[in-house]
N, C-alpha and C. Protein backbone atom coordinates (compact mmCIF):
# COMPACT_ATOMS: atom_id res chain seq x y z
N MET A 1 0.83 -1.18 0.00
CA MET A 1 0.00 0.00 0.00
C MET A 1 0.87 1.24 0.00
N MET A 2 1.86 1.26 0.91
CA MET A 2 2.73 2.43 1.03
C MET A 2 3.56 2.60 -0.23
N LYS A 3 4.04 1.49 -0.81
CA LYS A 3 4.86 1.58 -2.01
C LYS A 3 4.02 2.08 -3.19
N LEU A 4 2.79 1.59 -3.30
CA LEU A 4 1.91 2.01 -4.38
C LEU A 4 1.60 3.50 -4.26
N GLU A 5 1.31 3.94 -3.05
CA GLU A 5 1.02 5.35 -2.82
C GLU A 5 2.24 6.21 -3.14
N LYS A 6 3.39 5.76 -2.73
CA LYS A 6 4.62 6.50 -3.00
C LYS A 6 4.90 6.54 -4.50
N TRP A 7 4.67 5.43 -5.19
CA TRP A 7 4.88 5.37 -6.63
C TRP A 7 3.96 6.35 -7.33
N TRP A 8 2.70 6.40 -6.92
CA TRP A 8 1.73 7.29 -7.53
C TRP A 8 2.12 8.74 -7.31
N ILE A 9 2.55 9.07 -6.14
CA ILE A 9 2.95 10.44 -5.85
C ILE A 9 4.19 10.82 -6.65
N CYS A 10 5.14 9.91 -6.76
CA CYS A 10 6.33 10.19 -7.55
C CYS A 10 5.97 10.39 -9.02
N LEU A 11 5.05 9.58 -9.53
CA LEU A 11 4.60 9.72 -10.91
C LEU A 11 3.93 11.07 -11.12
N SER A 12 3.08 11.45 -10.17
CA SER A 12 2.40 12.74 -10.27
C SER A 12 3.39 13.88 -10.22
N LEU A 13 4.35 13.77 -9.30
CA LEU A 13 5.37 14.81 -9.19
C LEU A 13 6.19 14.89 -10.47
N GLY A 14 6.52 13.73 -11.02
CA GLY A 14 7.27 13.71 -12.28
C GLY A 14 6.49 14.37 -13.40
N PHE A 15 5.19 14.10 -13.45
CA PHE A 15 4.35 14.72 -14.48
C PHE A 15 4.33 16.23 -14.30
N VAL A 16 4.13 16.66 -13.06
CA VAL A 16 4.06 18.10 -12.79
C VAL A 16 5.40 18.75 -13.11
N LEU A 17 6.48 18.09 -12.71
CA LEU A 17 7.80 18.67 -12.96
C LEU A 17 8.16 18.65 -14.44
N SER A 18 7.71 17.62 -15.16
CA SER A 18 8.01 17.56 -16.59
C SER A 18 7.28 18.67 -17.33
N CYS A 19 6.16 19.08 -16.78
CA CYS A 19 5.44 20.19 -17.40
C CYS A 19 6.16 21.50 -17.12
N GLY A 20 6.99 21.55 -16.14
CA GLY A 20 7.69 22.76 -15.76
C GLY A 20 6.76 23.67 -14.99
N SER A 21 7.35 24.55 -14.24
CA SER A 21 6.51 25.43 -13.45
C SER A 21 5.87 26.50 -14.32
N GLU A 22 6.39 26.69 -15.54
CA GLU A 22 5.85 27.72 -16.41
C GLU A 22 5.27 27.14 -17.70
N ARG A 23 5.29 25.86 -17.87
CA ARG A 23 4.75 25.22 -19.08
C ARG A 23 3.35 24.71 -18.77
N VAL A 24 2.43 24.95 -19.70
CA VAL A 24 1.05 24.55 -19.51
C VAL A 24 0.62 23.72 -20.72
N ILE A 25 0.07 22.55 -20.44
CA ILE A 25 -0.49 21.70 -21.50
C ILE A 25 -2.00 21.72 -21.31
N MET A 26 -2.68 22.17 -22.35
CA MET A 26 -4.13 22.32 -22.26
C MET A 26 -4.81 21.00 -22.63
N ALA A 27 -6.09 20.92 -22.33
CA ALA A 27 -6.87 19.72 -22.61
C ALA A 27 -6.91 19.41 -24.11
N ASN A 28 -6.84 20.44 -24.95
CA ASN A 28 -6.89 20.23 -26.40
C ASN A 28 -5.53 19.82 -26.96
N GLY A 29 -4.51 19.73 -26.12
CA GLY A 29 -3.19 19.31 -26.54
C GLY A 29 -2.23 20.45 -26.84
N ALA A 30 -2.70 21.66 -26.81
CA ALA A 30 -1.84 22.82 -27.07
C ALA A 30 -0.90 23.02 -25.90
N VAL A 31 0.39 23.35 -26.21
CA VAL A 31 1.40 23.56 -25.18
C VAL A 31 1.79 25.03 -25.19
N TYR A 32 1.71 25.66 -24.03
CA TYR A 32 2.06 27.07 -23.90
C TYR A 32 3.14 27.22 -22.85
N ASP A 33 4.04 28.17 -23.07
CA ASP A 33 5.04 28.55 -22.07
C ASP A 33 4.64 29.91 -21.54
N VAL A 34 4.49 30.00 -20.22
CA VAL A 34 4.09 31.26 -19.60
C VAL A 34 5.30 31.84 -18.90
N LYS A 35 5.67 33.07 -19.32
CA LYS A 35 6.80 33.77 -18.70
C LYS A 35 6.28 35.13 -18.26
N GLY A 36 6.00 35.22 -16.96
CA GLY A 36 5.41 36.46 -16.44
C GLY A 36 4.02 36.63 -17.02
N THR A 37 3.81 37.71 -17.79
CA THR A 37 2.50 37.95 -18.41
C THR A 37 2.50 37.53 -19.87
N THR A 38 3.64 37.04 -20.37
CA THR A 38 3.75 36.65 -21.77
C THR A 38 3.45 35.17 -21.91
N ILE A 39 2.61 34.88 -22.95
CA ILE A 39 2.27 33.49 -23.22
C ILE A 39 2.84 33.17 -24.61
N MET A 40 3.65 32.09 -24.65
CA MET A 40 4.31 31.73 -25.90
C MET A 40 3.90 30.32 -26.30
N GLN A 41 3.86 30.11 -27.64
CA GLN A 41 3.57 28.78 -28.17
C GLN A 41 4.58 28.53 -29.28
N ASP A 42 5.32 27.44 -29.16
CA ASP A 42 6.38 27.10 -30.12
C ASP A 42 7.39 28.23 -30.29
N GLY A 43 7.71 28.92 -29.18
CA GLY A 43 8.70 29.99 -29.20
C GLY A 43 8.18 31.31 -29.71
N LYS A 44 6.90 31.42 -30.05
CA LYS A 44 6.32 32.66 -30.56
C LYS A 44 5.37 33.24 -29.53
N ASP A 45 5.38 34.56 -29.38
CA ASP A 45 4.50 35.25 -28.45
C ASP A 45 3.09 35.25 -29.03
N VAL A 46 2.16 34.59 -28.31
CA VAL A 46 0.77 34.51 -28.77
C VAL A 46 -0.17 35.18 -27.79
N THR A 47 0.36 36.02 -26.91
CA THR A 47 -0.44 36.67 -25.88
C THR A 47 -1.55 37.50 -26.50
N ALA A 48 -1.23 38.26 -27.53
CA ALA A 48 -2.19 39.16 -28.14
C ALA A 48 -3.25 38.40 -28.93
N SER A 49 -2.90 37.26 -29.47
CA SER A 49 -3.85 36.53 -30.31
C SER A 49 -4.84 35.67 -29.50
N LEU A 50 -4.60 35.52 -28.19
CA LEU A 50 -5.50 34.71 -27.35
C LEU A 50 -6.60 35.58 -26.78
N SER A 51 -7.77 35.00 -26.64
CA SER A 51 -8.88 35.72 -26.01
C SER A 51 -8.64 35.77 -24.51
N GLU A 52 -9.38 36.61 -23.85
CA GLU A 52 -9.25 36.74 -22.39
C GLU A 52 -9.62 35.42 -21.71
N GLU A 53 -10.60 34.74 -22.26
CA GLU A 53 -11.03 33.46 -21.69
C GLU A 53 -9.92 32.42 -21.82
N GLU A 54 -9.25 32.37 -22.99
CA GLU A 54 -8.16 31.43 -23.18
C GLU A 54 -7.00 31.76 -22.26
N THR A 55 -6.67 33.07 -22.16
CA THR A 55 -5.60 33.51 -21.27
C THR A 55 -5.93 33.13 -19.82
N ALA A 56 -7.17 33.38 -19.41
CA ALA A 56 -7.59 33.05 -18.05
C ALA A 56 -7.53 31.54 -17.82
N GLU A 57 -7.94 30.76 -18.83
CA GLU A 57 -7.91 29.30 -18.71
C GLU A 57 -6.47 28.80 -18.60
N ILE A 58 -5.55 29.38 -19.41
CA ILE A 58 -4.13 28.99 -19.35
C ILE A 58 -3.56 29.31 -17.98
N LYS A 59 -3.83 30.52 -17.49
CA LYS A 59 -3.30 30.91 -16.17
C LYS A 59 -3.94 30.08 -15.06
N SER A 60 -5.22 29.75 -15.21
CA SER A 60 -5.90 28.92 -14.22
C SER A 60 -5.29 27.51 -14.21
N THR A 61 -5.02 26.99 -15.39
CA THR A 61 -4.40 25.67 -15.49
C THR A 61 -3.01 25.68 -14.88
N LEU A 62 -2.24 26.74 -15.16
CA LEU A 62 -0.90 26.88 -14.57
C LEU A 62 -1.00 26.94 -13.05
N LYS A 63 -1.95 27.70 -12.56
CA LYS A 63 -2.15 27.81 -11.11
C LYS A 63 -2.51 26.45 -10.51
N SER A 64 -3.35 25.71 -11.23
CA SER A 64 -3.75 24.38 -10.78
C SER A 64 -2.54 23.44 -10.75
N TYR A 65 -1.67 23.53 -11.79
CA TYR A 65 -0.45 22.72 -11.81
C TYR A 65 0.43 23.03 -10.60
N LYS A 66 0.59 24.31 -10.34
CA LYS A 66 1.45 24.71 -9.20
C LYS A 66 0.85 24.22 -7.89
N ALA A 67 -0.48 24.33 -7.76
CA ALA A 67 -1.14 23.85 -6.54
C ALA A 67 -0.95 22.33 -6.40
N ASP A 68 -1.11 21.61 -7.54
CA ASP A 68 -0.91 20.16 -7.51
C ASP A 68 0.53 19.82 -7.14
N GLU A 69 1.46 20.56 -7.69
CA GLU A 69 2.87 20.32 -7.40
C GLU A 69 3.15 20.53 -5.91
N GLU A 70 2.60 21.58 -5.34
CA GLU A 70 2.78 21.83 -3.90
C GLU A 70 2.14 20.72 -3.07
N ALA A 71 0.95 20.28 -3.50
CA ALA A 71 0.28 19.19 -2.77
C ALA A 71 1.10 17.91 -2.84
N VAL A 72 1.68 17.64 -4.01
CA VAL A 72 2.50 16.44 -4.17
C VAL A 72 3.75 16.56 -3.30
N LYS A 73 4.39 17.72 -3.30
CA LYS A 73 5.58 17.92 -2.46
C LYS A 73 5.24 17.73 -0.99
N LYS A 74 4.10 18.28 -0.58
CA LYS A 74 3.68 18.16 0.81
C LYS A 74 3.43 16.69 1.16
N ARG A 75 2.76 15.98 0.24
CA ARG A 75 2.46 14.57 0.49
C ARG A 75 3.74 13.74 0.55
N LEU A 76 4.69 14.05 -0.34
CA LEU A 76 5.99 13.35 -0.31
C LEU A 76 6.71 13.58 1.02
N LYS A 77 6.64 14.81 1.48
CA LYS A 77 7.28 15.13 2.76
C LYS A 77 6.63 14.34 3.90
N GLU A 78 5.30 14.24 3.86
CA GLU A 78 4.58 13.46 4.88
C GLU A 78 5.00 11.99 4.82
N ILE A 79 5.10 11.48 3.60
CA ILE A 79 5.48 10.07 3.43
C ILE A 79 6.89 9.84 3.95
N LYS A 80 7.81 10.75 3.65
CA LYS A 80 9.18 10.59 4.15
C LYS A 80 9.20 10.63 5.67
N THR A 81 8.40 11.52 6.25
CA THR A 81 8.33 11.61 7.71
C THR A 81 7.78 10.30 8.28
N ARG A 82 6.75 9.77 7.66
CA ARG A 82 6.17 8.51 8.14
C ARG A 82 7.16 7.36 7.98
N GLU A 83 7.90 7.37 6.88
CA GLU A 83 8.90 6.31 6.68
C GLU A 83 9.97 6.38 7.77
N LYS A 84 10.41 7.59 8.10
CA LYS A 84 11.40 7.74 9.17
C LYS A 84 10.85 7.23 10.49
N GLU A 85 9.59 7.59 10.77
CA GLU A 85 8.96 7.13 12.02
C GLU A 85 8.84 5.60 12.02
N LEU A 86 8.46 5.05 10.86
CA LEU A 86 8.33 3.60 10.75
C LEU A 86 9.67 2.92 10.95
N LYS A 87 10.73 3.46 10.37
CA LYS A 87 12.06 2.88 10.55
C LYS A 87 12.47 2.95 12.02
N LYS A 88 12.14 4.06 12.66
CA LYS A 88 12.47 4.22 14.08
C LYS A 88 11.72 3.18 14.92
N VAL A 89 10.44 3.01 14.62
CA VAL A 89 9.62 2.02 15.35
C VAL A 89 10.14 0.61 15.08
N GLU A 90 10.52 0.34 13.83
CA GLU A 90 11.06 -0.98 13.49
C GLU A 90 12.36 -1.23 14.24
N ALA A 91 13.21 -0.20 14.32
CA ALA A 91 14.48 -0.36 15.04
C ALA A 91 14.22 -0.62 16.52
N GLN A 92 13.25 0.10 17.09
CA GLN A 92 12.92 -0.11 18.50
C GLN A 92 12.36 -1.52 18.71
N ALA A 93 11.50 -1.95 17.79
CA ALA A 93 10.92 -3.28 17.90
C ALA A 93 12.00 -4.36 17.79
N LEU A 94 12.94 -4.15 16.88
CA LEU A 94 14.04 -5.11 16.72
C LEU A 94 14.89 -5.17 17.99
N ALA A 95 15.20 -3.98 18.54
CA ALA A 95 15.99 -3.94 19.76
C ALA A 95 15.25 -4.64 20.91
N LYS A 96 13.95 -4.39 20.99
CA LYS A 96 13.15 -5.02 22.06
C LYS A 96 13.11 -6.53 21.87
N ARG A 97 12.95 -6.95 20.60
CA ARG A 97 12.92 -8.38 20.30
C ARG A 97 14.23 -9.04 20.69
N GLU A 98 15.34 -8.40 20.33
CA GLU A 98 16.65 -8.95 20.68
C GLU A 98 16.83 -9.02 22.18
N ALA A 99 16.36 -7.98 22.87
CA ALA A 99 16.46 -7.99 24.34
C ALA A 99 15.63 -9.12 24.93
N LEU A 100 14.43 -9.31 24.40
CA LEU A 100 13.57 -10.39 24.90
C LEU A 100 14.17 -11.76 24.60
N GLU A 101 14.77 -11.91 23.42
CA GLU A 101 15.41 -13.18 23.09
C GLU A 101 16.59 -13.45 24.03
N ALA A 102 17.36 -12.40 24.32
CA ALA A 102 18.48 -12.56 25.25
C ALA A 102 17.97 -12.93 26.64
N GLU A 103 16.89 -12.27 27.05
CA GLU A 103 16.30 -12.57 28.36
C GLU A 103 15.78 -14.00 28.40
N GLN A 104 15.13 -14.43 27.32
CA GLN A 104 14.62 -15.80 27.26
C GLN A 104 15.77 -16.79 27.32
N GLU A 105 16.84 -16.50 26.61
CA GLU A 105 18.01 -17.38 26.62
C GLU A 105 18.60 -17.47 28.03
N ALA A 106 18.66 -16.34 28.72
CA ALA A 106 19.18 -16.33 30.09
C ALA A 106 18.28 -17.16 31.01
N ILE A 107 16.97 -17.04 30.82
CA ILE A 107 16.02 -17.81 31.64
C ILE A 107 16.19 -19.30 31.37
N GLU A 108 16.33 -19.65 30.10
CA GLU A 108 16.52 -21.07 29.76
C GLU A 108 17.83 -21.60 30.33
N GLN A 109 18.88 -20.79 30.28
CA GLN A 109 20.17 -21.20 30.84
C GLN A 109 20.05 -21.40 32.36
N LYS A 110 19.35 -20.48 33.01
CA LYS A 110 19.17 -20.60 34.46
C LYS A 110 18.36 -21.86 34.79
N ALA A 111 17.35 -22.16 33.97
CA ALA A 111 16.55 -23.36 34.20
C ALA A 111 17.40 -24.62 34.07
N LYS A 112 18.30 -24.63 33.07
CA LYS A 112 19.20 -25.77 32.90
C LYS A 112 20.12 -25.92 34.11
N GLU A 113 20.65 -24.81 34.59
CA GLU A 113 21.53 -24.85 35.75
C GLU A 113 20.77 -25.34 36.99
N GLN A 114 19.53 -24.88 37.14
CA GLN A 114 18.72 -25.33 38.27
C GLN A 114 18.45 -26.83 38.18
N GLU A 115 18.18 -27.30 36.97
CA GLU A 115 17.92 -28.73 36.79
C GLU A 115 19.16 -29.56 37.13
N LYS A 116 20.32 -29.09 36.68
CA LYS A 116 21.57 -29.79 36.99
C LYS A 116 21.82 -29.79 38.50
N ALA A 117 21.60 -28.65 39.13
CA ALA A 117 21.81 -28.56 40.57
C ALA A 117 20.84 -29.47 41.33
N ARG A 118 19.60 -29.53 40.86
CA ARG A 118 18.60 -30.39 41.50
C ARG A 118 19.00 -31.86 41.36
N ASP A 119 19.44 -32.23 40.14
CA ASP A 119 19.89 -33.61 39.92
C ASP A 119 21.09 -33.96 40.81
N ALA A 120 22.03 -33.03 40.89
CA ALA A 120 23.22 -33.26 41.72
C ALA A 120 22.82 -33.42 43.19
N PHE A 121 21.88 -32.59 43.65
CA PHE A 121 21.41 -32.68 45.03
C PHE A 121 20.74 -34.02 45.29
N LEU A 122 19.87 -34.43 44.36
CA LEU A 122 19.16 -35.70 44.55
C LEU A 122 20.11 -36.89 44.54
N LYS A 123 21.12 -36.86 43.68
CA LYS A 123 22.11 -37.95 43.65
C LYS A 123 22.92 -37.99 44.93
N ALA A 124 23.35 -36.82 45.40
CA ALA A 124 24.13 -36.76 46.64
C ALA A 124 23.29 -37.26 47.82
N LYS A 125 22.04 -36.86 47.85
CA LYS A 125 21.15 -37.27 48.94
C LYS A 125 20.93 -38.78 48.90
N LYS A 126 20.75 -39.32 47.69
CA LYS A 126 20.52 -40.76 47.55
C LYS A 126 21.76 -41.54 47.98
N ARG A 127 22.96 -41.07 47.54
CA ARG A 127 24.21 -41.74 47.94
C ARG A 127 24.34 -41.73 49.47
N PHE A 128 24.06 -40.58 50.08
CA PHE A 128 24.17 -40.47 51.54
C PHE A 128 23.20 -41.44 52.22
N GLN A 129 21.93 -41.47 51.75
CA GLN A 129 20.93 -42.36 52.35
C GLN A 129 21.33 -43.83 52.21
N ASN A 130 21.81 -44.21 51.01
CA ASN A 130 22.22 -45.61 50.79
C ASN A 130 23.39 -45.99 51.70
N LYS A 131 24.38 -45.14 51.78
CA LYS A 131 25.56 -45.45 52.62
C LYS A 131 25.17 -45.46 54.09
N LYS A 132 24.29 -44.57 54.49
CA LYS A 132 23.86 -44.52 55.89
C LYS A 132 23.09 -45.80 56.25
N GLU A 133 22.20 -46.24 55.35
CA GLU A 133 21.45 -47.48 55.60
C GLU A 133 22.40 -48.68 55.69
N ARG A 134 23.37 -48.72 54.79
CA ARG A 134 24.34 -49.83 54.81
C ARG A 134 25.14 -49.81 56.12
N PHE A 135 25.56 -48.60 56.54
CA PHE A 135 26.30 -48.45 57.79
C PHE A 135 25.47 -48.94 58.97
N GLU A 136 24.19 -48.53 59.00
CA GLU A 136 23.31 -48.94 60.10
C GLU A 136 23.12 -50.46 60.12
N LYS A 137 22.97 -51.08 58.96
CA LYS A 137 22.80 -52.54 58.89
C LYS A 137 24.05 -53.25 59.41
N LEU A 138 25.21 -52.78 58.92
CA LEU A 138 26.46 -53.41 59.37
C LEU A 138 26.66 -53.21 60.87
N LYS A 139 26.30 -52.06 61.36
CA LYS A 139 26.46 -51.75 62.78
C LYS A 139 25.53 -52.64 63.62
N GLU A 140 24.28 -52.83 63.18
CA GLU A 140 23.33 -53.67 63.91
C GLU A 140 23.79 -55.13 63.95
N LYS A 141 24.39 -55.59 62.86
CA LYS A 141 24.85 -56.97 62.81
C LYS A 141 26.17 -57.15 63.57
N GLY A 142 26.79 -56.03 63.93
CA GLY A 142 28.04 -56.08 64.69
C GLY A 142 29.23 -56.44 63.83
N LYS A 143 29.18 -56.13 62.58
CA LYS A 143 30.26 -56.49 61.67
C LYS A 143 31.28 -55.38 61.50
N LEU A 144 31.18 -54.30 62.28
CA LEU A 144 32.11 -53.18 62.14
C LEU A 144 33.05 -53.11 63.33
N SER A 145 34.32 -53.02 63.02
CA SER A 145 35.31 -52.81 64.09
C SER A 145 35.33 -51.31 64.37
N PRO A 146 35.94 -50.93 65.52
CA PRO A 146 36.02 -49.49 65.81
C PRO A 146 36.75 -48.72 64.70
N LYS A 147 37.74 -49.32 64.07
CA LYS A 147 38.48 -48.65 63.00
C LYS A 147 37.57 -48.45 61.78
N LYS A 148 36.79 -49.49 61.42
CA LYS A 148 35.89 -49.38 60.28
C LYS A 148 34.74 -48.43 60.59
N THR A 149 34.30 -48.42 61.82
CA THR A 149 33.24 -47.49 62.21
C THR A 149 33.71 -46.06 62.02
N THR A 150 34.94 -45.77 62.37
CA THR A 150 35.51 -44.43 62.20
C THR A 150 35.58 -44.08 60.71
N LYS A 151 35.99 -45.03 59.88
CA LYS A 151 36.05 -44.80 58.44
C LYS A 151 34.66 -44.50 57.88
N TRP A 152 33.69 -45.31 58.31
CA TRP A 152 32.32 -45.12 57.84
C TRP A 152 31.78 -43.76 58.28
N GLU A 153 32.04 -43.38 59.50
CA GLU A 153 31.57 -42.09 60.00
C GLU A 153 32.20 -40.94 59.20
N ALA A 154 33.47 -41.06 58.85
CA ALA A 154 34.16 -40.04 58.06
C ALA A 154 33.54 -39.97 56.65
N LYS A 155 33.28 -41.16 56.09
CA LYS A 155 32.68 -41.22 54.75
C LYS A 155 31.28 -40.60 54.78
N LEU A 156 30.49 -40.92 55.82
CA LEU A 156 29.15 -40.36 55.94
C LEU A 156 29.20 -38.83 56.15
N GLU A 157 30.20 -38.38 56.90
CA GLU A 157 30.36 -36.93 57.13
C GLU A 157 30.66 -36.23 55.80
N ALA A 158 31.54 -36.83 54.98
CA ALA A 158 31.87 -36.25 53.67
C ALA A 158 30.63 -36.22 52.77
N LEU A 159 29.86 -37.31 52.78
CA LEU A 159 28.64 -37.35 51.97
C LEU A 159 27.60 -36.34 52.48
N SER A 160 27.54 -36.17 53.80
CA SER A 160 26.62 -35.19 54.39
C SER A 160 27.01 -33.78 53.95
N GLU A 161 28.31 -33.49 53.92
CA GLU A 161 28.81 -32.17 53.46
C GLU A 161 28.47 -31.97 51.97
N ASP A 162 28.60 -33.05 51.20
CA ASP A 162 28.28 -32.97 49.77
C ASP A 162 26.79 -32.64 49.59
N VAL A 163 25.93 -33.26 50.40
CA VAL A 163 24.49 -32.98 50.33
C VAL A 163 24.23 -31.52 50.69
N LYS A 164 24.89 -31.05 51.73
CA LYS A 164 24.70 -29.65 52.16
C LYS A 164 25.15 -28.67 51.07
N SER A 165 26.30 -28.93 50.47
CA SER A 165 26.80 -28.00 49.45
C SER A 165 25.94 -28.01 48.19
N THR A 166 25.47 -29.20 47.77
CA THR A 166 24.60 -29.24 46.58
C THR A 166 23.25 -28.60 46.87
N LYS A 167 22.76 -28.76 48.11
CA LYS A 167 21.50 -28.11 48.49
C LYS A 167 21.67 -26.60 48.51
N GLU A 168 22.80 -26.14 48.99
CA GLU A 168 23.08 -24.70 49.03
C GLU A 168 23.15 -24.12 47.61
N LYS A 169 23.82 -24.84 46.69
CA LYS A 169 23.88 -24.39 45.29
C LYS A 169 22.47 -24.32 44.70
N LEU A 170 21.66 -25.33 44.97
CA LEU A 170 20.30 -25.35 44.46
C LEU A 170 19.50 -24.17 45.02
N ASN A 171 19.61 -23.93 46.31
CA ASN A 171 18.88 -22.82 46.92
C ASN A 171 19.33 -21.46 46.35
N ASN A 172 20.64 -21.31 46.11
CA ASN A 172 21.15 -20.06 45.54
C ASN A 172 20.61 -19.83 44.12
N LEU A 173 20.50 -20.89 43.35
CA LEU A 173 19.97 -20.74 41.98
C LEU A 173 18.47 -20.48 41.97
N ASN A 174 17.76 -20.95 42.98
CA ASN A 174 16.33 -20.76 43.03
C ASN A 174 15.91 -19.39 43.51
N GLN A 175 16.84 -18.62 43.97
CA GLN A 175 16.50 -17.28 44.46
C GLN A 175 16.37 -16.31 43.32
């Protein structure tokens, strides 16, 4: 729509400009050059040979051409202004889109990190629970010496610290 309108205005402006600001083409096909109060046809002064009505019609047509030319120039200026505004809006929309895409990417990255942290926490917790159950079973059966009990307690302490640290990472990412 905008291109068609712009094309039409350019065509109209070209027509008006091709006629010149002082050249008048009448409906009957006659071409006159108007210079001040002198009207010429094919390089000859025909001012005296024209009737007042013809002179008035030529000057009226010239005035109409000039008015059309001004209207076309005004419309072109409006179109250029609208195009600039449209480009500005498009640039803003593009910048906003890029910002939203970057924000979405950051959110997706954070979600991946949270998922990894959650998985790490669950694995650490499961390892701790399994080792603790095994320790308790061995302890109940009396199969642990004091030396092995100390080793198991150290191992369980390390696993407990691992659970705490993975839980802390998860909590920090969830904030």
